């Protein structure tokens, strides 16, 4: 029989292991519920959901890969591959001499319940409110500067930088 029969969990592990997705990303868009409900016609409702802040925790929690493989899998799909696809590698998506030193320090141990009051979204809601997630971002570093440490934003306003990308550069090795 092709493909061979497998238990559901084994099949899910194999799909993830075969890297069916090159990138894991969000459609983060921080509209408030009032803005979302402004139109009676759903086709005119602004798209996207607030979710960037919980994305890494969600992916880490719901991945079926063993922890020792999960971290590499997630880093490749959330940092390395997007940088390669948009021609930003090795400046982005890598920890190498000359790279921008963008890092996330993630503690996989704590169990955290998503509470909107603890998020930094202006949307005022989260589709993941009440979800119990495994792990938590401890520190976020951008271009070598600590921006967030233990949930406290320490970065300055206006430090974002436009990067000209090479769209659809592909996954060049």
C-alpha atoms as a PDB file:
ATOM      1  CA  UNK A   1       0.000   0.000   0.000  1.00  0.00           C
ATOM      2  CA  UNK A   2       1.322   3.423  -0.889  1.00  0.00           C
ATOM      3  CA  UNK A   3       1.654   5.287   1.377  1.00  0.00           C
ATOM      4  CA  UNK A   4       1.950   2.701   4.152  1.00  0.00           C
ATOM      5  CA  UNK A   5      -0.588   2.846   6.963  1.00  0.00           C
ATOM      6  CA  UNK A   6       0.653   4.652  10.074  1.00  0.00           C
ATOM      7  CA  UNK A   7      -0.745   5.773  13.382  1.00  0.00           C
ATOM      8  CA  UNK A   8      -2.109   9.342  13.258  1.00  0.00           C
ATOM      9  CA  UNK A   9       0.647  10.725  15.517  1.00  0.00           C
ATOM     10  CA  UNK A  10       3.382   9.015  13.495  1.00  0.00           C
ATOM     11  CA  UNK A  11       1.908  10.410  10.272  1.00  0.00           C
ATOM     12  CA  UNK A  12       1.803  13.931  11.755  1.00  0.00           C
ATOM     13  CA  UNK A  13       5.424  13.613  12.908  1.00  0.00           C
ATOM     14  CA  UNK A  14       6.445  12.505   9.418  1.00  0.00           C
ATOM     15  CA  UNK A  15       4.644  15.413   7.732  1.00  0.00           C
ATOM     16  CA  UNK A  16       6.396  17.892   9.985  1.00  0.00           C
ATOM     17  CA  UNK A  17       9.691  16.092   9.520  1.00  0.00           C
ATOM     18  CA  UNK A  18       9.350  16.245   5.736  1.00  0.00           C
ATOM     19  CA  UNK A  19       9.179  20.043   5.966  1.00  0.00           C
ATOM     20  CA  UNK A  20       5.988  20.581   4.037  1.00  0.00           C
ATOM     21  CA  UNK A  21       6.118  24.258   5.014  1.00  0.00           C
ATOM     22  CA  UNK A  22       9.196  26.350   4.279  1.00  0.00           C
ATOM     23  CA  UNK A  23       8.035  29.271   6.432  1.00  0.00           C
ATOM     24  CA  UNK A  24       6.002  29.716   9.600  1.00  0.00           C
ATOM     25  CA  UNK A  25       4.619  33.245   9.865  1.00  0.00           C
ATOM     26  CA  UNK A  26       1.589  35.181  11.065  1.00  0.00           C
ATOM     27  CA  UNK A  27      -0.944  37.491   9.490  1.00  0.00           C
ATOM     28  CA  UNK A  28      -0.537  39.794  12.498  1.00  0.00           C
ATOM     29  CA  UNK A  29      -2.627  42.913  12.150  1.00  0.00           C
ATOM     30  CA  UNK A  30      -3.537  44.811  15.276  1.00  0.00           C
ATOM     31  CA  UNK A  31      -7.079  46.005  14.549  1.00  0.00           C
ATOM     32  CA  UNK A  32      -9.375  46.500  17.527  1.00  0.00           C
ATOM     33  CA  UNK A  33     -12.648  44.587  17.804  1.00  0.00           C
ATOM     34  CA  UNK A  34     -14.493  47.864  17.141  1.00  0.00           C
ATOM     35  CA  UNK A  35     -12.591  48.274  13.867  1.00  0.00           C
ATOM     36  CA  UNK A  36     -13.305  44.647  12.962  1.00  0.00           C
ATOM     37  CA  UNK A  37     -17.039  45.067  13.659  1.00  0.00           C
ATOM     38  CA  UNK A  38     -17.344  48.398  11.835  1.00  0.00           C
ATOM     39  CA  UNK A  39     -18.676  46.784   8.654  1.00  0.00           C
ATOM     40  CA  UNK A  40     -21.712  44.537   8.324  1.00  0.00           C
ATOM     41  CA  UNK A  41     -20.204  43.016   5.177  1.00  0.00           C
ATOM     42  CA  UNK A  42     -17.432  40.624   6.245  1.00  0.00           C
ATOM     43  CA  UNK A  43     -15.628  41.164   2.929  1.00  0.00           C
ATOM     44  CA  UNK A  44     -14.976  44.767   4.003  1.00  0.00           C
ATOM     45  CA  UNK A  45     -13.742  43.805   7.466  1.00  0.00           C
ATOM     46  CA  UNK A  46     -10.005  44.371   7.954  1.00  0.00           C
ATOM     47  CA  UNK A  47      -8.098  41.101   7.764  1.00  0.00           C
ATOM     48  CA  UNK A  48      -5.561  39.703  10.157  1.00  0.00           C
ATOM     49  CA  UNK A  49      -5.457  39.051  13.873  1.00  0.00           C
ATOM     50  CA  UNK A  50      -3.212  40.146  16.711  1.00  0.00           C
ATOM     51  CA  UNK A  51      -0.913  37.175  17.203  1.00  0.00           C
ATOM     52  CA  UNK A  52       2.737  38.028  16.659  1.00  0.00           C
ATOM     53  CA  UNK A  53       3.514  38.107  20.373  1.00  0.00           C
ATOM     54  CA  UNK A  54       2.167  34.572  20.918  1.00  0.00           C
ATOM     55  CA  UNK A  55       3.319  33.040  17.610  1.00  0.00           C
ATOM     56  CA  UNK A  56       6.536  31.439  18.852  1.00  0.00           C
ATOM     57  CA  UNK A  57       4.832  30.009  21.943  1.00  0.00           C
ATOM     58  CA  UNK A  58       2.003  28.560  19.855  1.00  0.00           C
ATOM     59  CA  UNK A  59       4.357  26.929  17.369  1.00  0.00           C
ATOM     60  CA  UNK A  60       6.572  25.557  20.145  1.00  0.00           C
ATOM     61  CA  UNK A  61       3.583  24.218  22.100  1.00  0.00           C
ATOM     62  CA  UNK A  62       1.783  22.538  19.215  1.00  0.00           C
ATOM     63  CA  UNK A  63       4.767  21.141  17.334  1.00  0.00           C
ATOM     64  CA  UNK A  64       4.821  17.358  17.456  1.00  0.00           C
ATOM     65  CA  UNK A  65       8.576  17.127  16.983  1.00  0.00           C
ATOM     66  CA  UNK A  66      10.767  16.093  19.918  1.00  0.00           C
ATOM     67  CA  UNK A  67      12.135  19.142  21.758  1.00  0.00           C
ATOM     68  CA  UNK A  68      15.699  18.454  20.612  1.00  0.00           C
ATOM     69  CA  UNK A  69      14.569  18.808  16.957  1.00  0.00           C
ATOM     70  CA  UNK A  70      11.786  21.327  17.497  1.00  0.00           C
ATOM     71  CA  UNK A  71      14.007  24.346  18.182  1.00  0.00           C
ATOM     72  CA  UNK A  72      16.013  23.952  14.964  1.00  0.00           C
ATOM     73  CA  UNK A  73      12.831  23.295  12.960  1.00  0.00           C
ATOM     74  CA  UNK A  74      11.183  26.464  14.290  1.00  0.00           C
ATOM     75  CA  UNK A  75      14.293  28.662  13.899  1.00  0.00           C
ATOM     76  CA  UNK A  76      14.699  27.530  10.303  1.00  0.00           C
ATOM     77  CA  UNK A  77      11.078  28.277   9.396  1.00  0.00           C
ATOM     78  CA  UNK A  78      10.645  31.519  11.360  1.00  0.00           C
ATOM     79  CA  UNK A  79      14.063  33.143  10.738  1.00  0.00           C
ATOM     80  CA  UNK A  80      16.461  31.436   8.323  1.00  0.00           C
ATOM     81  CA  UNK A  81      14.082  30.562   5.481  1.00  0.00           C
ATOM     82  CA  UNK A  82      12.243  33.928   5.425  1.00  0.00           C
ATOM     83  CA  UNK A  83      15.636  35.692   5.304  1.00  0.00           C
ATOM     84  CA  UNK A  84      16.739  33.497   2.414  1.00  0.00           C
ATOM     85  CA  UNK A  85      13.482  33.860   0.487  1.00  0.00           C
ATOM     86  CA  UNK A  86      13.658  37.665   0.647  1.00  0.00           C
ATOM     87  CA  UNK A  87      17.385  37.892  -0.047  1.00  0.00           C
ATOM     88  CA  UNK A  88      18.253  39.132   3.451  1.00  0.00           C
ATOM     89  CA  UNK A  89      20.491  36.203   4.387  1.00  0.00           C
ATOM     90  CA  UNK A  90      23.102  36.247   5.939  1.00  0.00           C
ATOM     91  CA  UNK A  91      22.390  39.705   7.369  1.00  0.00           C
ATOM     92  CA  UNK A  92      19.164  38.293   8.829  1.00  0.00           C
ATOM     93  CA  UNK A  93      18.268  34.758   9.835  1.00  0.00           C
ATOM     94  CA  UNK A  94      21.744  33.764  10.998  1.00  0.00           C
ATOM     95  CA  UNK A  95      24.117  34.015  13.930  1.00  0.00           C
ATOM     96  CA  UNK A  96      27.316  34.776  12.044  1.00  0.00           C
ATOM     97  CA  UNK A  97      30.037  37.453  12.088  1.00  0.00           C
ATOM     98  CA  UNK A  98      28.604  40.493  10.288  1.00  0.00           C
ATOM     99  CA  UNK A  99      24.964  39.467  10.806  1.00  0.00           C
ATOM    100  CA  UNK A 100      22.588  41.815  12.630  1.00  0.00           C
ATOM    101  CA  UNK A 101      22.527  39.830  15.912  1.00  0.00           C
ATOM    102  CA  UNK A 102      18.748  39.394  16.002  1.00  0.00           C
ATOM    103  CA  UNK A 103      18.070  36.788  18.682  1.00  0.00           C
ATOM    104  CA  UNK A 104      15.264  35.429  20.811  1.00  0.00           C
ATOM    105  CA  UNK A 105      16.086  33.718  24.085  1.00  0.00           C
ATOM    106  CA  UNK A 106      13.287  31.238  24.762  1.00  0.00           C
ATOM    107  CA  UNK A 107      12.742  29.337  28.007  1.00  0.00           C
ATOM    108  CA  UNK A 108      10.848  26.119  27.196  1.00  0.00           C
ATOM    109  CA  UNK A 109      10.067  25.312  30.849  1.00  0.00           C
ATOM    110  CA  UNK A 110       7.275  27.626  32.067  1.00  0.00           C
ATOM    111  CA  UNK A 111       3.628  26.922  31.377  1.00  0.00           C
ATOM    112  CA  UNK A 112       1.861  30.183  30.546  1.00  0.00           C
ATOM    113  CA  UNK A 113      -1.821  31.017  30.105  1.00  0.00           C
ATOM    114  CA  UNK A 114      -2.460  33.690  27.469  1.00  0.00           C
ATOM    115  CA  UNK A 115      -4.017  36.762  29.090  1.00  0.00           C
ATOM    116  CA  UNK A 116      -4.744  39.831  26.971  1.00  0.00           C
ATOM    117  CA  UNK A 117      -3.895  42.099  29.904  1.00  0.00           C
ATOM    118  CA  UNK A 118      -0.284  40.846  29.746  1.00  0.00           C
ATOM    119  CA  UNK A 119       0.108  41.294  25.977  1.00  0.00           C
ATOM    120  CA  UNK A 120       1.398  44.430  24.283  1.00  0.00           C
ATOM    121  CA  UNK A 121      -1.262  44.520  21.571  1.00  0.00           C
ATOM    122  CA  UNK A 122      -3.293  47.646  20.885  1.00  0.00           C
ATOM    123  CA  UNK A 123      -6.039  45.413  19.491  1.00  0.00           C
ATOM    124  CA  UNK A 124      -7.240  44.650  23.009  1.00  0.00           C
ATOM    125  CA  UNK A 125      -8.013  40.993  22.335  1.00  0.00           C
ATOM    126  CA  UNK A 126      -6.349  37.740  21.402  1.00  0.00           C
ATOM    127  CA  UNK A 127      -7.861  34.741  19.631  1.00  0.00           C
ATOM    128  CA  UNK A 128      -5.639  32.704  21.964  1.00  0.00           C
ATOM    129  CA  UNK A 129      -6.982  34.133  25.251  1.00  0.00           C
ATOM    130  CA  UNK A 130      -7.038  31.333  27.826  1.00  0.00           C
ATOM    131  CA  UNK A 131      -4.753  28.985  25.850  1.00  0.00           C
ATOM    132  CA  UNK A 132      -2.138  27.230  27.975  1.00  0.00           C
ATOM    133  CA  UNK A 133       1.229  27.373  26.212  1.00  0.00           C
ATOM    134  CA  UNK A 134       4.613  25.823  26.899  1.00  0.00           C
ATOM    135  CA  UNK A 135       7.572  28.158  27.188  1.00  0.00           C
ATOM    136  CA  UNK A 136       8.097  31.885  27.111  1.00  0.00           C
ATOM    137  CA  UNK A 137      10.304  34.444  25.399  1.00  0.00           C
ATOM    138  CA  UNK A 138      12.765  35.765  27.977  1.00  0.00           C
ATOM    139  CA  UNK A 139      14.703  38.262  25.867  1.00  0.00           C
ATOM    140  CA  UNK A 140      14.425  39.720  22.375  1.00  0.00           C
ATOM    141  CA  UNK A 141      17.524  41.266  20.819  1.00  0.00           C
ATOM    142  CA  UNK A 142      17.467  43.274  17.582  1.00  0.00           C
ATOM    143  CA  UNK A 143      20.677  44.388  15.890  1.00  0.00           C
ATOM    144  CA  UNK A 144      22.499  43.616  19.129  1.00  0.00           C
ATOM    145  CA  UNK A 145      20.198  45.754  21.312  1.00  0.00           C
ATOM    146  CA  UNK A 146      17.969  44.204  23.985  1.00  0.00           C
ATOM    147  CA  UNK A 147      14.415  45.290  23.148  1.00  0.00           C
ATOM    148  CA  UNK A 148      12.414  43.106  25.510  1.00  0.00           C
ATOM    149  CA  UNK A 149      13.573  41.427  28.701  1.00  0.00           C
ATOM    150  CA  UNK A 150      11.239  39.381  30.917  1.00  0.00           C
ATOM    151  CA  UNK A 151       8.176  40.961  29.319  1.00  0.00           C
ATOM    152  CA  UNK A 152       9.376  44.567  29.664  1.00  0.00           C
ATOM    153  CA  UNK A 153       9.982  46.610  26.512  1.00  0.00           C
ATOM    154  CA  UNK A 154      13.294  48.434  26.882  1.00  0.00           C
ATOM    155  CA  UNK A 155      13.888  49.549  23.287  1.00  0.00           C
ATOM    156  CA  UNK A 156      13.497  53.034  21.945  1.00  0.00           C
ATOM    157  CA  UNK A 157      10.817  54.315  19.609  1.00  0.00           C
ATOM    158  CA  UNK A 158      11.606  54.693  15.932  1.00  0.00           C
ATOM    159  CA  UNK A 159      14.500  52.261  15.733  1.00  0.00           C
ATOM    160  CA  UNK A 160      12.957  50.205  12.943  1.00  0.00           C
ATOM    161  CA  UNK A 161      14.895  50.131   9.708  1.00  0.00           C
ATOM    162  CA  UNK A 162      13.641  49.515   6.176  1.00  0.00           C
ATOM    163  CA  UNK A 163      15.510  46.718   4.446  1.00  0.00           C
ATOM    164  CA  UNK A 164      15.320  46.465   0.703  1.00  0.00           C
ATOM    165  CA  UNK A 165      14.581  42.836  -0.050  1.00  0.00           C
ATOM    166  CA  UNK A 166      15.037  40.745  -3.158  1.00  0.00           C
ATOM    167  CA  UNK A 167      11.546  39.245  -3.445  1.00  0.00           C
ATOM    168  CA  UNK A 168      11.268  35.559  -4.201  1.00  0.00           C
ATOM    169  CA  UNK A 169      14.986  34.901  -3.997  1.00  0.00           C
ATOM    170  CA  UNK A 170      14.103  31.337  -3.052  1.00  0.00           C
ATOM    171  CA  UNK A 171      15.755  29.017  -0.590  1.00  0.00           C
ATOM    172  CA  UNK A 172      19.316  29.224  -1.864  1.00  0.00           C
ATOM    173  CA  UNK A 173      21.679  27.193   0.271  1.00  0.00           C
END
